[in-house]
Amino acid sequence: MEPVVRYHLSDGTVSALDEQLQPIQRLSLDVPPTAELLAASPDLATVVVTDTRRVIIMAAGRPIPVEIVAADSATLLPGGRLLVTAPILERLTYKGREYDTKGEHLVLLVDLGSGHVLDQAVLDAVDASVTTVPHPHDGSVVLDAAMGQDGALIYVAQVLDDRLKVALVAENVIAASFAPSGDRLLLTRHPSFDNQISVLEWPSRRPLARLHADDMEIEGLAFFLYGCFLSDRRVLLMTYEHGLLLCTGELNPVGWISLNPPFQARDVEVSTMRGVAEAVFGVAEDVFAADIRDGKSLSWTLWRIPPSRVDAD
């Protein structure tokens, strides 16, 4: 698993972060204070932000505005293309007051050099927020259209000759993570639906493995929506009350991980404080970041799982 480059925008400066979540490059941008970061290249040669009224591509030292309102995701694609998602906003009036509401969702293919929209598709997901899980190799992008308690729709978007092809993959689950090799997709539990985790073969989407909470024979066990591949052989899952569960790539449980170990413990190495995890994601092989709540504050901490802890599969 290659280290994942992540990005952060604060006070008009975008930073590329290494596997220790430390800045390795910075770039100052002339963007509104309310701008939100959507995407960036590892060298920060291309940065995509939104100020809710439009998308702004920062490339070659110049801004390229794209008239897409309320974009919620953007993914850089090969060949100088950008995949953007945004809701269709509908203006309604209630008791003399106007307000916007989300209708269906648009998927738009944009030329990075000009900002022109080359193609678009419509997702049948009303009042949704879309996040993306890009495939590590083939250029496809999984779209997770979350609709709150009403569930979620999972799509895959592919580009061929500057035309979009969008297909439904699954319903009422969360698209969490691809395996580093790209041959499997991890689907975690939507809080309103079945209490199970599954893995699909990719790109066939054939079910390969399933882990239901009942299989664990632990009273009250409930999976949370966060989870990720740590490598092709290891999956990390999150539960509500029982902490983190380490599994093989086939979802066979290996063991529980406590984020409050004694500091001399050898099974987990922690970089900073103790606390309760509210989210996790993989940053490199055997390394994950946890959003830790320690009292009232939140902070990201890094955790490493030594190979001896997980190679029992």
Protein backbone atom coordinates (compact mmCIF):
# COMPACT_ATOMS: atom_id res chain seq x y z
CA MET A 1 0.00 0.00 0.00
CA GLU A 2 1.52 3.30 -1.08
CA PRO A 3 1.30 6.17 1.42
CA VAL A 4 -1.80 8.27 0.77
CA VAL A 5 -1.19 11.99 0.19
CA ARG A 6 -3.86 14.06 1.89
CA TYR A 7 -4.57 17.76 1.77
CA HIS A 8 -5.68 20.58 4.04
CA LEU A 9 -6.83 24.15 3.35
CA SER A 10 -6.58 26.78 6.08
CA ASP A 11 -6.40 30.58 5.87
CA GLY A 12 -5.88 30.48 2.11
CA THR A 13 -2.96 28.03 2.24
CA VAL A 14 -3.29 24.48 0.95
CA SER A 15 -0.92 21.85 2.35
CA ALA A 16 -0.04 18.40 1.05
CA LEU A 17 0.37 15.99 3.99
CA ASP A 18 2.60 12.93 4.21
CA GLU A 19 1.80 9.64 5.94
CA GLN A 20 2.55 11.28 9.29
CA LEU A 21 -0.04 13.97 8.43
CA GLN A 22 2.77 16.53 8.36
CA PRO A 23 2.97 19.22 5.62
CA ILE A 24 5.41 18.38 2.84
CA GLN A 25 4.36 21.19 0.50
CA ARG A 26 2.40 24.40 0.88
CA LEU A 27 0.82 26.80 -1.59
CA SER A 28 -0.87 30.12 -0.87
CA LEU A 29 -4.07 30.70 -2.83
CA ASP A 30 -6.01 33.85 -3.61
CA VAL A 31 -9.39 32.40 -2.69
CA PRO A 32 -12.31 33.62 -0.54
CA PRO A 33 -12.09 32.82 3.20
CA THR A 34 -15.14 30.57 2.80
CA ALA A 35 -13.51 28.45 0.08
CA GLU A 36 -13.48 24.69 0.63
CA LEU A 37 -10.86 22.34 -0.78
CA LEU A 38 -12.21 19.71 -3.19
CA ALA A 39 -9.10 18.17 -4.76
CA ALA A 40 -5.38 18.66 -5.33
CA SER A 41 -2.48 16.98 -7.09
CA PRO A 42 0.43 15.74 -4.94
CA ASP A 43 2.71 18.54 -6.20
CA LEU A 44 -0.08 21.13 -5.75
CA ALA A 45 0.26 22.08 -9.43
CA THR A 46 -3.51 21.69 -9.61
CA VAL A 47 -5.85 22.65 -6.78
CA VAL A 48 -9.65 22.64 -6.94
CA VAL A 49 -11.79 24.63 -4.50
CA THR A 50 -15.39 25.81 -4.25
CA ASP A 51 -16.90 28.94 -2.73
CA THR A 52 -20.38 27.31 -3.03
CA ARG A 53 -21.26 29.61 -5.98
CA ARG A 54 -18.76 28.04 -8.36
CA VAL A 55 -15.81 25.69 -8.66
CA ILE A 56 -12.37 27.26 -9.10
CA ILE A 57 -9.52 25.32 -10.71
CA MET A 58 -6.11 26.72 -9.75
CA ALA A 59 -3.61 25.52 -12.37
CA ALA A 60 -0.57 26.97 -14.15
CA GLY A 61 -0.70 29.97 -11.86
CA ARG A 62 -4.16 31.10 -12.89
CA PRO A 63 -7.72 30.54 -11.66
CA ILE A 64 -10.24 28.88 -13.98
CA PRO A 65 -13.84 29.39 -12.81
CA VAL A 66 -16.40 26.69 -13.53
CA GLU A 67 -20.04 27.63 -13.04
CA ILE A 68 -21.05 24.68 -10.87
CA VAL A 69 -23.00 25.69 -7.78
CA ALA A 70 -22.69 23.90 -4.40
CA ALA A 71 -20.21 21.23 -5.56
CA ASP A 72 -19.64 18.63 -2.86
CA SER A 73 -16.80 16.60 -4.43
CA ALA A 74 -14.19 16.75 -7.16
CA THR A 75 -11.77 14.05 -8.31
CA LEU A 76 -8.76 14.54 -10.57
CA LEU A 77 -8.75 12.03 -13.44
CA PRO A 78 -6.11 10.99 -15.97
CA GLY A 79 -5.92 12.95 -19.21
CA GLY A 80 -6.55 16.37 -17.74
CA ARG A 81 -10.11 15.73 -16.65
CA LEU A 82 -12.01 16.50 -13.46
CA LEU A 83 -15.08 14.71 -12.11
CA VAL A 84 -17.36 17.01 -10.10
CA THR A 85 -20.58 16.23 -8.22
CA ALA A 86 -23.17 18.81 -7.20
CA PRO A 87 -26.85 18.84 -6.26
CA ILE A 88 -29.50 20.38 -8.48
CA LEU A 89 -30.76 23.25 -6.33
CA GLU A 90 -34.45 24.06 -6.40
CA ARG A 91 -35.68 27.46 -5.19
CA LEU A 92 -38.84 27.16 -3.09
CA THR A 93 -40.99 29.70 -1.28
CA TYR A 94 -42.60 29.16 2.11
CA LYS A 95 -44.62 31.87 3.85
CA GLY A 96 -43.04 34.51 1.67
CA ARG A 97 -39.46 33.36 2.29
CA GLU A 98 -37.30 31.78 -0.41
CA TYR A 99 -34.86 28.98 0.23
CA ASP A 100 -32.91 26.36 -1.74
CA THR A 101 -33.48 22.64 -1.48
CA LYS A 102 -31.52 19.80 -3.02
CA GLY A 103 -33.06 17.83 -5.86
CA GLU A 104 -31.26 15.13 -7.82
CA HIS A 105 -27.47 15.09 -8.10
CA LEU A 106 -25.31 15.93 -11.11
CA VAL A 107 -22.06 14.24 -12.10
CA LEU A 108 -20.04 16.47 -14.42
CA LEU A 109 -16.91 15.79 -16.48
CA VAL A 110 -14.80 18.94 -16.75
CA ASP A 111 -11.76 19.79 -18.87
CA LEU A 112 -9.07 21.02 -16.47
CA GLY A 113 -7.42 23.29 -19.00
CA SER A 114 -10.49 25.26 -20.01
CA GLY A 115 -13.10 24.60 -17.32
CA HIS A 116 -15.58 23.47 -19.98
CA VAL A 117 -18.14 20.83 -19.01
CA LEU A 118 -17.70 17.95 -21.47
CA ASP A 119 -20.48 15.65 -20.29
CA GLN A 120 -22.86 15.14 -17.39
CA ALA A 121 -25.09 12.51 -15.84
CA VAL A 122 -27.87 12.61 -13.25
CA LEU A 123 -27.99 10.48 -10.11
CA ASP A 124 -31.43 9.52 -8.86
CA ALA A 125 -30.47 10.60 -5.35
CA VAL A 126 -32.59 13.39 -3.87
CA ASP A 127 -31.33 15.63 -1.05
CA ALA A 128 -28.01 13.80 -1.02
CA SER A 129 -24.41 14.61 -0.21
CA VAL A 130 -21.83 12.83 -2.35
CA THR A 131 -18.37 11.64 -1.38
CA THR A 132 -16.01 9.73 -3.64
CA VAL A 133 -13.72 6.71 -3.49
CA PRO A 134 -11.39 6.82 -6.51
CA HIS A 135 -10.07 3.51 -7.81
CA PRO A 136 -6.30 3.32 -7.25
CA HIS A 137 -5.50 2.33 -10.84
CA ASP A 138 -8.26 2.19 -13.47
CA GLY A 139 -9.61 5.77 -13.39
CA SER A 140 -13.11 4.85 -12.22
CA VAL A 141 -14.66 6.66 -9.27
CA VAL A 142 -17.16 5.24 -6.77
CA LEU A 143 -19.77 7.80 -5.74
CA ASP A 144 -21.43 7.50 -2.33
CA ALA A 145 -24.69 9.46 -2.36
CA ALA A 146 -25.72 9.69 1.29
CA MET A 147 -29.34 10.62 2.00
CA GLY A 148 -29.32 10.63 5.79
CA GLN A 149 -31.72 8.21 7.43
CA ASP A 150 -33.24 7.49 4.01
CA GLY A 151 -30.17 5.46 3.10
CA ALA A 152 -27.52 5.75 0.43
CA LEU A 153 -26.97 4.91 -3.23
CA ILE A 154 -23.55 3.75 -4.41
CA TYR A 155 -22.61 4.38 -8.05
CA VAL A 156 -19.51 3.94 -10.17
CA ALA A 157 -18.57 6.59 -12.74
CA GLN A 158 -16.31 5.74 -15.67
CA VAL A 159 -15.05 7.89 -18.54
CA LEU A 160 -14.66 6.67 -22.11
CA ASP A 161 -13.84 9.08 -24.94
CA ASP A 162 -14.91 12.03 -22.79
CA ARG A 163 -18.30 10.49 -22.10
CA LEU A 164 -19.58 9.53 -18.67
CA LYS A 165 -20.98 6.12 -17.85
CA VAL A 166 -22.63 5.86 -14.43
CA ALA A 167 -24.01 2.62 -12.98
CA LEU A 168 -25.61 1.69 -9.66
CA VAL A 169 -23.44 -0.60 -7.54
CA ALA A 170 -25.25 -1.01 -4.19
CA GLU A 171 -27.88 0.52 -1.93
CA ASN A 172 -28.04 1.41 1.77
CA VAL A 173 -24.39 0.76 2.54
CA ILE A 174 -21.28 2.99 2.72
CA ALA A 175 -18.52 2.83 0.10
CA ALA A 176 -15.48 2.81 2.39
CA SER A 177 -12.28 1.80 0.65
CA PHE A 178 -10.62 -0.01 -2.23
CA ALA A 179 -7.93 -2.59 -1.58
CA PRO A 180 -4.54 -1.16 -2.66
CA SER A 181 -4.46 -3.58 -5.62
CA GLY A 182 -7.90 -2.35 -6.67
CA ASP A 183 -9.41 -5.84 -6.87
CA ARG A 184 -11.91 -5.39 -4.00
CA LEU A 185 -14.24 -2.73 -2.61
CA LEU A 186 -15.11 -2.56 1.09
CA LEU A 187 -18.71 -1.66 1.94
CA THR A 188 -19.47 -0.71 5.52
CA ARG A 189 -22.73 -0.44 7.38
CA HIS A 190 -25.22 2.39 6.90
CA PRO A 191 -26.49 3.18 10.42
CA SER A 192 -30.15 2.83 9.38
CA PHE A 193 -29.79 -0.57 7.74
CA ASP A 194 -28.39 -4.09 8.06
CA ASN A 195 -25.63 -4.51 10.65
CA GLN A 196 -23.03 -6.05 8.36
CA ILE A 197 -19.83 -5.41 6.39
CA SER A 198 -19.13 -6.79 2.92
CA VAL A 199 -16.42 -6.96 0.28
CA LEU A 200 -17.11 -6.93 -3.47
CA GLU A 201 -14.80 -8.18 -6.18
CA TRP A 202 -13.82 -5.39 -8.56
CA PRO A 203 -14.76 -4.66 -11.28
CA SER A 204 -17.23 -7.57 -11.44
CA ARG A 205 -18.93 -6.40 -8.17
CA ARG A 206 -19.42 -10.04 -7.20
CA PRO A 207 -19.85 -10.50 -3.42
CA LEU A 208 -16.72 -12.08 -1.95
CA ALA A 209 -17.08 -11.84 1.82
CA ARG A 210 -19.55 -10.78 4.48
CA LEU A 211 -19.34 -10.21 8.22
CA HIS A 212 -22.57 -9.72 10.14
CA ALA A 213 -22.54 -8.42 13.70
CA ASP A 214 -24.43 -11.54 14.79
CA ASP A 215 -21.47 -13.65 13.59
CA MET A 216 -19.35 -12.15 16.37
CA GLU A 217 -21.67 -13.43 19.13
CA ILE A 218 -21.14 -10.25 21.15
CA GLU A 219 -24.26 -8.74 22.66
CA GLY A 220 -25.03 -5.27 21.38
CA LEU A 221 -22.24 -5.21 18.79
CA ALA A 222 -22.95 -2.65 16.06
CA PHE A 223 -20.67 -1.73 13.20
CA PHE A 224 -20.00 1.94 12.52
CA LEU A 225 -19.78 3.51 9.06
CA TYR A 226 -15.97 3.90 9.09
CA GLY A 227 -13.58 1.22 7.88
CA CYS A 228 -10.70 0.76 5.45
CA PHE A 229 -8.22 -1.59 3.86
CA LEU A 230 -4.83 -1.22 5.56
CA SER A 231 -3.28 -3.48 2.90
CA ASP A 232 -4.53 -6.16 0.52
CA ARG A 233 -4.51 -8.57 3.49
CA ARG A 234 -5.88 -6.39 6.27
CA VAL A 235 -9.14 -4.56 6.94
CA LEU A 236 -9.86 -2.24 9.86
CA LEU A 237 -13.48 -1.90 11.03
CA MET A 238 -15.03 0.43 13.58
CA THR A 239 -17.82 -0.39 16.03
CA TYR A 240 -19.94 1.81 18.28
CA GLU A 241 -19.13 0.39 21.70
CA HIS A 242 -16.36 -2.17 21.24
CA GLY A 243 -13.62 -0.21 19.52
CA LEU A 244 -11.72 -1.25 16.39
CA LEU A 245 -11.78 -4.72 14.87
CA LEU A 246 -8.89 -5.96 12.76
CA CYS A 247 -9.81 -8.49 10.05
CA THR A 248 -8.17 -10.28 7.18
CA GLY A 249 -8.93 -9.16 3.64
CA GLU A 250 -11.66 -11.81 3.63
CA LEU A 251 -13.29 -10.27 6.75
CA ASN A 252 -12.14 -13.00 9.11
CA PRO A 253 -11.73 -11.35 12.54
CA VAL A 254 -8.13 -11.25 13.83
CA GLY A 255 -8.48 -9.23 17.03
CA TRP A 256 -9.68 -6.11 18.78
CA ILE A 257 -7.58 -2.95 18.93
CA SER A 258 -7.75 -0.70 21.95
CA LEU A 259 -6.71 2.92 21.53
CA ASN A 260 -5.97 3.11 25.25
CA PRO A 261 -3.12 0.61 25.61
CA PRO A 262 -0.43 0.84 28.26
CA PHE A 263 2.45 2.76 26.74
CA GLN A 264 4.68 -0.32 27.01
CA ALA A 265 2.22 -2.41 24.96
CA ARG A 266 3.80 -4.03 21.91
CA ASP A 267 0.72 -4.81 19.85
CA VAL A 268 -0.11 -1.18 18.96
CA GLU A 269 2.19 1.83 18.77
CA VAL A 270 0.57 5.23 19.28
CA SER A 271 2.04 8.57 18.29
CA THR A 272 0.22 10.85 20.75
CA MET A 273 -2.67 10.94 23.19
CA ARG A 274 -5.30 8.50 24.40
CA GLY A 275 -9.02 8.86 23.82
CA VAL A 276 -12.09 7.63 21.91
CA ALA A 277 -11.99 7.30 18.11
CA GLU A 278 -14.76 8.97 16.13
CA ALA A 279 -13.38 8.19 12.64
CA VAL A 280 -10.51 6.22 11.11
CA PHE A 281 -8.76 6.05 7.74
CA GLY A 282 -5.67 4.31 6.38
CA VAL A 283 -2.61 6.39 5.53
CA ALA A 284 -0.03 3.68 4.74
CA GLU A 285 0.39 -0.07 5.13
CA ASP A 286 -0.29 -1.01 8.77
CA VAL A 287 -0.79 2.68 9.66
CA PHE A 288 -4.11 4.39 10.31
CA ALA A 289 -5.22 7.77 11.57
CA ALA A 290 -7.92 8.06 14.21
CA ASP A 291 -9.95 11.16 15.01
CA ILE A 292 -9.64 11.04 18.78
CA ARG A 293 -11.95 12.71 21.25
CA ASP A 294 -10.16 13.46 24.50
CA GLY A 295 -12.73 15.21 26.65
CA LYS A 296 -14.20 18.02 24.55
CA SER A 297 -11.41 18.29 21.96
CA LEU A 298 -10.74 16.34 18.77
CA SER A 299 -7.35 15.60 17.23
CA TRP A 300 -5.95 13.19 14.65
CA THR A 301 -3.49 10.63 15.97
CA LEU A 302 -1.48 8.00 14.10
CA TRP A 303 -1.36 4.33 15.04
CA ARG A 304 0.87 1.57 13.69
CA ILE A 305 0.03 -2.13 13.82
CA PRO A 306 3.23 -4.22 13.80
CA PRO A 307 3.09 -7.06 11.24
CA SER A 308 3.29 -9.71 13.97
CA ARG A 309 -0.09 -8.52 15.25
CA VAL A 310 -1.96 -9.19 12.03
CA ASP A 311 -0.14 -11.87 10.09
CA ALA A 312 -1.97 -14.71 11.83
CA ASP A 313 -4.18 -15.08 8.73
